[in-house]
């Protein structure tokens, strides 16, 4: 059948196990997405004291990696 709504209605009225399983999978996927979004930290933008700390940490990490490659491994 080409019409999804018609096919869905026929399956629903006939008590199709395949449709029930599909609905349960969709419900679980929607619940998982909701819980993941609700537990995520809200983004407040860049900048401020926290932004400076993160930038300094990034620069320090790059400096340490450069030191390791240049003087310990002899690359560069």
PDB file of N, CA and C in Angstrom:
ATOM      1  N   UNK A   1       0.839  -1.177   0.000  1.00  0.00           N
ATOM      2  CA  UNK A   1       0.000   0.000   0.000  1.00  0.00           C
ATOM      3  C   UNK A   1       0.879   1.234   0.000  1.00  0.00           C
ATOM      4  N   UNK A   2       0.427   2.252  -0.723  1.00  0.00           N
ATOM      5  CA  UNK A   2       1.207   3.478  -0.808  1.00  0.00           C
ATOM      6  C   UNK A   2       0.836   4.469   0.283  1.00  0.00           C
ATOM      7  N   UNK A   3      -0.390   4.435   0.766  1.00  0.00           N
ATOM      8  CA  UNK A   3      -0.849   5.401   1.754  1.00  0.00           C
ATOM      9  C   UNK A   3      -0.501   4.895   3.160  1.00  0.00           C
ATOM     10  N   UNK A   4       0.429   5.575   3.810  1.00  0.00           N
ATOM     11  CA  UNK A   4       0.880   5.141   5.136  1.00  0.00           C
ATOM     12  C   UNK A   4      -0.249   5.212   6.150  1.00  0.00           C
ATOM     13  N   UNK A   5      -1.047   6.259   6.111  1.00  0.00           N
ATOM     14  CA  UNK A   5      -2.130   6.407   7.080  1.00  0.00           C
ATOM     15  C   UNK A   5      -3.159   5.291   6.947  1.00  0.00           C
ATOM     16  N   UNK A   6      -3.472   4.910   5.730  1.00  0.00           N
ATOM     17  CA  UNK A   6      -4.414   3.818   5.510  1.00  0.00           C
ATOM     18  C   UNK A   6      -3.831   2.503   6.019  1.00  0.00           C
ATOM     19  N   UNK A   7      -2.583   2.243   5.694  1.00  0.00           N
ATOM     20  CA  UNK A   7      -1.912   1.026   6.151  1.00  0.00           C
ATOM     21  C   UNK A   7      -1.831   1.007   7.683  1.00  0.00           C
ATOM     22  N   UNK A   8      -1.496   2.135   8.274  1.00  0.00           N
ATOM     23  CA  UNK A   8      -1.395   2.239   9.720  1.00  0.00           C
ATOM     24  C   UNK A   8      -2.755   1.978  10.373  1.00  0.00           C
ATOM     25  N   UNK A   9      -3.822   2.518   9.805  1.00  0.00           N
ATOM     26  CA  UNK A   9      -5.163   2.290  10.334  1.00  0.00           C
ATOM     27  C   UNK A   9      -5.579   0.843  10.260  1.00  0.00           C
ATOM     28  N   UNK A  10      -5.262   0.183   9.153  1.00  0.00           N
ATOM     29  CA  UNK A  10      -5.598  -1.237   9.002  1.00  0.00           C
ATOM     30  C   UNK A  10      -4.818  -2.076  10.012  1.00  0.00           C
ATOM     31  N   UNK A  11      -3.530  -1.785  10.164  1.00  0.00           N
ATOM     32  CA  UNK A  11      -2.724  -2.539  11.122  1.00  0.00           C
ATOM     33  C   UNK A  11      -3.205  -2.311  12.547  1.00  0.00           C
ATOM     34  N   UNK A  12      -3.579  -1.090  12.863  1.00  0.00           N
ATOM     35  CA  UNK A  12      -4.041  -0.780  14.215  1.00  0.00           C
ATOM     36  C   UNK A  12      -5.346  -1.507  14.523  1.00  0.00           C
ATOM     37  N   UNK A  13      -6.247  -1.545  13.538  1.00  0.00           N
ATOM     38  CA  UNK A  13      -7.530  -2.213  13.781  1.00  0.00           C
ATOM     39  C   UNK A  13      -7.391  -3.724  13.827  1.00  0.00           C
ATOM     40  N   UNK A  14      -6.360  -4.258  13.156  1.00  0.00           N
ATOM     41  CA  UNK A  14      -6.174  -5.709  13.160  1.00  0.00           C
ATOM     42  C   UNK A  14      -5.310  -6.172  14.321  1.00  0.00           C
ATOM     43  N   UNK A  15      -4.742  -5.242  15.091  1.00  0.00           N
ATOM     44  CA  UNK A  15      -3.921  -5.626  16.239  1.00  0.00           C
ATOM     45  C   UNK A  15      -2.581  -6.192  15.830  1.00  0.00           C
ATOM     46  N   UNK A  16      -1.933  -5.562  14.875  1.00  0.00           N
ATOM     47  CA  UNK A  16      -0.662  -6.055  14.367  1.00  0.00           C
ATOM     48  C   UNK A  16       0.431  -5.971  15.438  1.00  0.00           C
ATOM     49  N   UNK A  17       1.150  -7.084  15.639  1.00  0.00           N
ATOM     50  CA  UNK A  17       2.253  -7.099  16.595  1.00  0.00           C
ATOM     51  C   UNK A  17       3.415  -6.258  16.086  1.00  0.00           C
ATOM     52  N   UNK A  18       3.582  -6.215  14.778  1.00  0.00           N
ATOM     53  CA  UNK A  18       4.657  -5.421  14.190  1.00  0.00           C
ATOM     54  C   UNK A  18       4.449  -3.932  14.488  1.00  0.00           C
ATOM     55  N   UNK A  19       3.215  -3.471  14.392  1.00  0.00           N
ATOM     56  CA  UNK A  19       2.917  -2.075  14.680  1.00  0.00           C
ATOM     57  C   UNK A  19       3.137  -1.771  16.152  1.00  0.00           C
ATOM     58  N   UNK A  20       2.747  -2.681  17.030  1.00  0.00           N
ATOM     59  CA  UNK A  20       2.965  -2.478  18.463  1.00  0.00           C
ATOM     60  C   UNK A  20       4.455  -2.374  18.777  1.00  0.00           C
ATOM     61  N   UNK A  21       5.247  -3.242  18.172  1.00  0.00           N
ATOM     62  CA  UNK A  21       6.692  -3.214  18.404  1.00  0.00           C
ATOM     63  C   UNK A  21       7.292  -1.911  17.884  1.00  0.00           C
ATOM     64  N   UNK A  22       6.822  -1.451  16.727  1.00  0.00           N
ATOM     65  CA  UNK A  22       7.306  -0.196  16.156  1.00  0.00           C
ATOM     66  C   UNK A  22       6.960   0.982  17.058  1.00  0.00           C
ATOM     67  N   UNK A  23       5.736   0.998  17.578  1.00  0.00           N
ATOM     68  CA  UNK A  23       5.329   2.079  18.467  1.00  0.00           C
ATOM     69  C   UNK A  23       6.144   2.074  19.757  1.00  0.00           C
ATOM     70  N   UNK A  24       6.439   0.895  20.284  1.00  0.00           N
ATOM     71  CA  UNK A  24       7.247   0.804  21.498  1.00  0.00           C
ATOM     72  C   UNK A  24       8.669   1.298  21.261  1.00  0.00           C
ATOM     73  N   UNK A  25       9.262   0.960  20.091  1.00  0.00           N
ATOM     74  CA  UNK A  25      10.609   1.435  19.759  1.00  0.00           C
ATOM     75  C   UNK A  25      10.625   2.945  19.633  1.00  0.00           C
ATOM     76  N   UNK A  26       9.615   3.520  18.965  1.00  0.00           N
ATOM     77  CA  UNK A  26       9.545   4.972  18.813  1.00  0.00           C
ATOM     78  C   UNK A  26       9.370   5.656  20.159  1.00  0.00           C
ATOM     79  N   UNK A  27       8.553   5.075  21.024  1.00  0.00           N
ATOM     80  CA  UNK A  27       8.339   5.643  22.350  1.00  0.00           C
ATOM     81  C   UNK A  27       9.630   5.634  23.159  1.00  0.00           C
ATOM     82  N   UNK A  28      10.352   4.506  23.125  1.00  0.00           N
ATOM     83  CA  UNK A  28      11.624   4.431  23.859  1.00  0.00           C
ATOM     84  C   UNK A  28      12.629   5.430  23.304  1.00  0.00           C
ATOM     85  N   UNK A  29      12.683   5.606  21.987  1.00  0.00           N
ATOM     86  CA  UNK A  29      13.615   6.566  21.385  1.00  0.00           C
ATOM     87  C   UNK A  29      13.267   7.996  21.808  1.00  0.00           C
ATOM     88  N   UNK A  30      11.981   8.327  21.821  1.00  0.00           N
ATOM     89  CA  UNK A  30      11.562   9.661  22.239  1.00  0.00           C
ATOM     90  C   UNK A  30      11.865   9.898  23.714  1.00  0.00           C
ATOM     91  N   UNK A  31      11.652   8.879  24.550  1.00  0.00           N
ATOM     92  CA  UNK A  31      11.952   9.023  25.971  1.00  0.00           C
ATOM     93  C   UNK A  31      13.444   9.212  26.203  1.00  0.00           C
ATOM     94  N   UNK A  32      14.272   8.445  25.485  1.00  0.00           N
ATOM     95  CA  UNK A  32      15.719   8.572  25.633  1.00  0.00           C
ATOM     96  C   UNK A  32      16.183   9.962  25.211  1.00  0.00           C
ATOM     97  N   UNK A  33      15.654  10.469  24.109  1.00  0.00           N
ATOM     98  CA  UNK A  33      16.017  11.813  23.648  1.00  0.00           C
ATOM     99  C   UNK A  33      15.600  12.864  24.675  1.00  0.00           C
ATOM    100  N   UNK A  34      14.413  12.706  25.254  1.00  0.00           N
ATOM    101  CA  UNK A  34      13.937  13.655  26.263  1.00  0.00           C
ATOM    102  C   UNK A  34      14.850  13.651  27.489  1.00  0.00           C
ATOM    103  N   UNK A  35      15.205  12.453  27.982  1.00  0.00           N
ATOM    104  CA  UNK A  35      16.050  12.371  29.171  1.00  0.00           C
ATOM    105  C   UNK A  35      17.451  12.908  28.899  1.00  0.00           C
ATOM    106  N   UNK A  36      17.986  12.669  27.710  1.00  0.00           N
ATOM    107  CA  UNK A  36      19.310  13.183  27.382  1.00  0.00           C
ATOM    108  C   UNK A  36      19.293  14.709  27.333  1.00  0.00           C
ATOM    109  N   UNK A  37      18.237  15.278  26.743  1.00  0.00           N
ATOM    110  CA  UNK A  37      18.151  16.740  26.671  1.00  0.00           C
ATOM    111  C   UNK A  37      17.911  17.358  28.042  1.00  0.00           C
ATOM    112  N   UNK A  38      17.115  16.693  28.876  1.00  0.00           N
ATOM    113  CA  UNK A  38      16.799  17.274  30.177  1.00  0.00           C
ATOM    114  C   UNK A  38      17.988  17.210  31.130  1.00  0.00           C
ATOM    115  N   UNK A  39      18.898  16.269  30.925  1.00  0.00           N
ATOM    116  CA  UNK A  39      20.068  16.151  31.791  1.00  0.00           C
ATOM    117  C   UNK A  39      21.265  16.942  31.292  1.00  0.00           C
ATOM    118  N   UNK A  40      21.172  17.539  30.123  1.00  0.00           N
ATOM    119  CA  UNK A  40      22.289  18.300  29.566  1.00  0.00           C
ATOM    120  C   UNK A  40      22.390  19.658  30.247  1.00  0.00           C
ATOM    121  N   UNK A  41      23.615  20.122  30.403  1.00  0.00           N
ATOM    122  CA  UNK A  41      23.833  21.443  30.980  1.00  0.00           C
ATOM    123  C   UNK A  41      23.428  22.505  29.960  1.00  0.00           C
ATOM    124  N   UNK A  42      22.723  23.536  30.387  1.00  0.00           N
ATOM    125  CA  UNK A  42      22.353  24.598  29.448  1.00  0.00           C
ATOM    126  C   UNK A  42      23.579  25.405  29.030  1.00  0.00           C
ATOM    127  N   UNK A  43      23.602  25.827  27.794  1.00  0.00           N
ATOM    128  CA  UNK A  43      24.717  26.605  27.259  1.00  0.00           C
ATOM    129  C   UNK A  43      24.473  28.076  27.537  1.00  0.00           C
ATOM    130  N   UNK A  44      25.417  28.711  28.193  1.00  0.00           N
ATOM    131  CA  UNK A  44      25.273  30.115  28.552  1.00  0.00           C
ATOM    132  C   UNK A  44      26.140  31.025  27.697  1.00  0.00           C
ATOM    133  N   UNK A  45      26.774  30.486  26.697  1.00  0.00           N
ATOM    134  CA  UNK A  45      27.590  31.310  25.819  1.00  0.00           C
ATOM    135  C   UNK A  45      29.053  31.290  26.223  1.00  0.00           C
ATOM    136  N   UNK A  46      29.855  31.894  25.385  1.00  0.00           N
ATOM    137  CA  UNK A  46      31.289  31.968  25.628  1.00  0.00           C
ATOM    138  C   UNK A  46      31.607  33.238  26.399  1.00  0.00           C
ATOM    139  N   UNK A  47      32.776  33.244  27.019  1.00  0.00           N
ATOM    140  CA  UNK A  47      33.234  34.455  27.670  1.00  0.00           C
ATOM    141  C   UNK A  47      33.202  34.368  29.173  1.00  0.00           C
ATOM    142  N   UNK A  48      33.537  35.489  29.778  1.00  0.00           N
ATOM    143  CA  UNK A  48      33.567  35.539  31.232  1.00  0.00           C
ATOM    144  C   UNK A  48      34.775  34.822  31.786  1.00  0.00           C
ATOM    145  N   UNK A  49      34.771  34.653  33.085  1.00  0.00           N
ATOM    146  CA  UNK A  49      35.895  34.015  33.776  1.00  0.00           C
ATOM    147  C   UNK A  49      36.055  32.561  33.343  1.00  0.00           C
ATOM    148  N   UNK A  50      34.951  31.852  33.174  1.00  0.00           N
ATOM    149  CA  UNK A  50      35.023  30.452  32.751  1.00  0.00           C
ATOM    150  C   UNK A  50      35.612  30.339  31.348  1.00  0.00           C
ATOM    151  N   UNK A  51      35.244  31.245  30.467  1.00  0.00           N
ATOM    152  CA  UNK A  51      35.792  31.225  29.113  1.00  0.00           C
ATOM    153  C   UNK A  51      37.289  31.460  29.108  1.00  0.00           C
ATOM    154  N   UNK A  52      37.763  32.358  29.961  1.00  0.00           N
ATOM    155  CA  UNK A  52      39.201  32.616  30.053  1.00  0.00           C
ATOM    156  C   UNK A  52      39.941  31.406  30.609  1.00  0.00           C
ATOM    157  N   UNK A  53      39.352  30.735  31.586  1.00  0.00           N
ATOM    158  CA  UNK A  53      39.973  29.533  32.137  1.00  0.00           C
ATOM    159  C   UNK A  53      40.081  28.447  31.074  1.00  0.00           C
ATOM    160  N   UNK A  54      39.028  28.269  30.294  1.00  0.00           N
ATOM    161  CA  UNK A  54      39.045  27.240  29.244  1.00  0.00           C
ATOM    162  C   UNK A  54      40.047  27.584  28.155  1.00  0.00           C
ATOM    163  N   UNK A  55      40.162  28.860  27.799  1.00  0.00           N
ATOM    164  CA  UNK A  55      41.132  29.273  26.785  1.00  0.00           C
ATOM    165  C   UNK A  55      42.551  29.055  27.297  1.00  0.00           C
ATOM    166  N   UNK A  56      42.811  29.413  28.550  1.00  0.00           N
ATOM    167  CA  UNK A  56      44.141  29.214  29.124  1.00  0.00           C
ATOM    168  C   UNK A  56      44.485  27.728  29.204  1.00  0.00           C
ATOM    169  N   UNK A  57      43.520  26.904  29.543  1.00  0.00           N
ATOM    170  CA  UNK A  57      43.746  25.458  29.595  1.00  0.00           C
ATOM    171  C   UNK A  57      44.095  24.930  28.205  1.00  0.00           C
ATOM    172  N   UNK A  58      43.384  25.388  27.189  1.00  0.00           N
ATOM    173  CA  UNK A  58      43.668  24.958  25.817  1.00  0.00           C
ATOM    174  C   UNK A  58      45.055  25.360  25.366  1.00  0.00           C
ATOM    175  N   UNK A  59      45.457  26.591  25.683  1.00  0.00           N
ATOM    176  CA  UNK A  59      46.793  27.068  25.310  1.00  0.00           C
ATOM    177  C   UNK A  59      47.857  26.258  26.039  1.00  0.00           C
ATOM    178  N   UNK A  60      47.640  25.974  27.314  1.00  0.00           N
ATOM    179  CA  UNK A  60      48.595  25.184  28.083  1.00  0.00           C
ATOM    180  C   UNK A  60      48.732  23.774  27.518  1.00  0.00           C
ATOM    181  N   UNK A  61      47.619  23.167  27.141  1.00  0.00           N
ATOM    182  CA  UNK A  61      47.662  21.820  26.556  1.00  0.00           C
ATOM    183  C   UNK A  61      48.435  21.836  25.243  1.00  0.00           C
ATOM    184  N   UNK A  62      48.200  22.836  24.405  1.00  0.00           N
ATOM    185  CA  UNK A  62      48.942  22.934  23.143  1.00  0.00           C
ATOM    186  C   UNK A  62      50.431  23.154  23.392  1.00  0.00           C
ATOM    187  N   UNK A  63      50.777  23.966  24.396  1.00  0.00           N
ATOM    188  CA  UNK A  63      52.169  24.206  24.736  1.00  0.00           C
ATOM    189  C   UNK A  63      52.858  22.914  25.180  1.00  0.00           C
ATOM    190  N   UNK A  64      52.175  22.134  26.031  1.00  0.00           N
ATOM    191  CA  UNK A  64      52.739  20.872  26.512  1.00  0.00           C
ATOM    192  C   UNK A  64      52.909  19.890  25.361  1.00  0.00           C
ATOM    193  N   UNK A  65      51.921  19.799  24.483  1.00  0.00           N
ATOM    194  CA  UNK A  65      52.047  18.905  23.321  1.00  0.00           C
ATOM    195  C   UNK A  65      53.191  19.330  22.420  1.00  0.00           C
ATOM    196  N   UNK A  66      53.331  20.631  22.191  1.00  0.00           N
ATOM    197  CA  UNK A  66      54.445  21.128  21.386  1.00  0.00           C
ATOM    198  C   UNK A  66      55.781  20.795  22.018  1.00  0.00           C
ATOM    199  N   UNK A  67      55.896  20.958  23.321  1.00  0.00           N
ATOM    200  CA  UNK A  67      57.124  20.632  24.043  1.00  0.00           C
ATOM    201  C   UNK A  67      57.456  19.148  23.898  1.00  0.00           C
ATOM    202  N   UNK A  68      56.428  18.295  24.048  1.00  0.00           N
ATOM    203  CA  UNK A  68      56.642  16.848  23.933  1.00  0.00           C
ATOM    204  C   UNK A  68      57.129  16.485  22.537  1.00  0.00           C
ATOM    205  N   UNK A  69      56.478  17.013  21.517  1.00  0.00           N
ATOM    206  CA  UNK A  69      56.880  16.682  20.146  1.00  0.00           C
ATOM    207  C   UNK A  69      58.255  17.242  19.809  1.00  0.00           C
ATOM    208  N   UNK A  70      58.561  18.460  20.267  1.00  0.00           N
ATOM    209  CA  UNK A  70      59.813  19.119  19.884  1.00  0.00           C
ATOM    210  C   UNK A  70      61.011  18.519  20.609  1.00  0.00           C
ATOM    211  N   UNK A  71      60.940  18.420  21.922  1.00  0.00           N
ATOM    212  CA  UNK A  71      62.123  18.070  22.690  1.00  0.00           C
ATOM    213  C   UNK A  71      62.188  16.595  23.099  1.00  0.00           C
ATOM    214  N   UNK A  72      61.069  15.957  23.306  1.00  0.00           N
ATOM    215  CA  UNK A  72      61.126  14.558  23.743  1.00  0.00           C
ATOM    216  C   UNK A  72      61.157  13.609  22.539  1.00  0.00           C
ATOM    217  N   UNK A  73      60.272  13.855  21.567  1.00  0.00           N
ATOM    218  CA  UNK A  73      60.233  12.977  20.387  1.00  0.00           C
ATOM    219  C   UNK A  73      61.152  13.454  19.277  1.00  0.00           C
ATOM    220  N   UNK A  74      61.589  14.698  19.326  1.00  0.00           N
ATOM    221  CA  UNK A  74      62.507  15.237  18.327  1.00  0.00           C
ATOM    222  C   UNK A  74      61.870  15.497  16.991  1.00  0.00           C
ATOM    223  N   UNK A  75      60.562  15.736  16.979  1.00  0.00           N
ATOM    224  CA  UNK A  75      59.837  16.020  15.737  1.00  0.00           C
ATOM    225  C   UNK A  75      59.610  17.518  15.652  1.00  0.00           C
ATOM    226  N   UNK A  76      59.989  18.129  14.517  1.00  0.00           N
ATOM    227  CA  UNK A  76      59.706  19.548  14.327  1.00  0.00           C
ATOM    228  C   UNK A  76      60.851  20.393  14.484  1.00  0.00           C
TER     229      UNK A  76
END
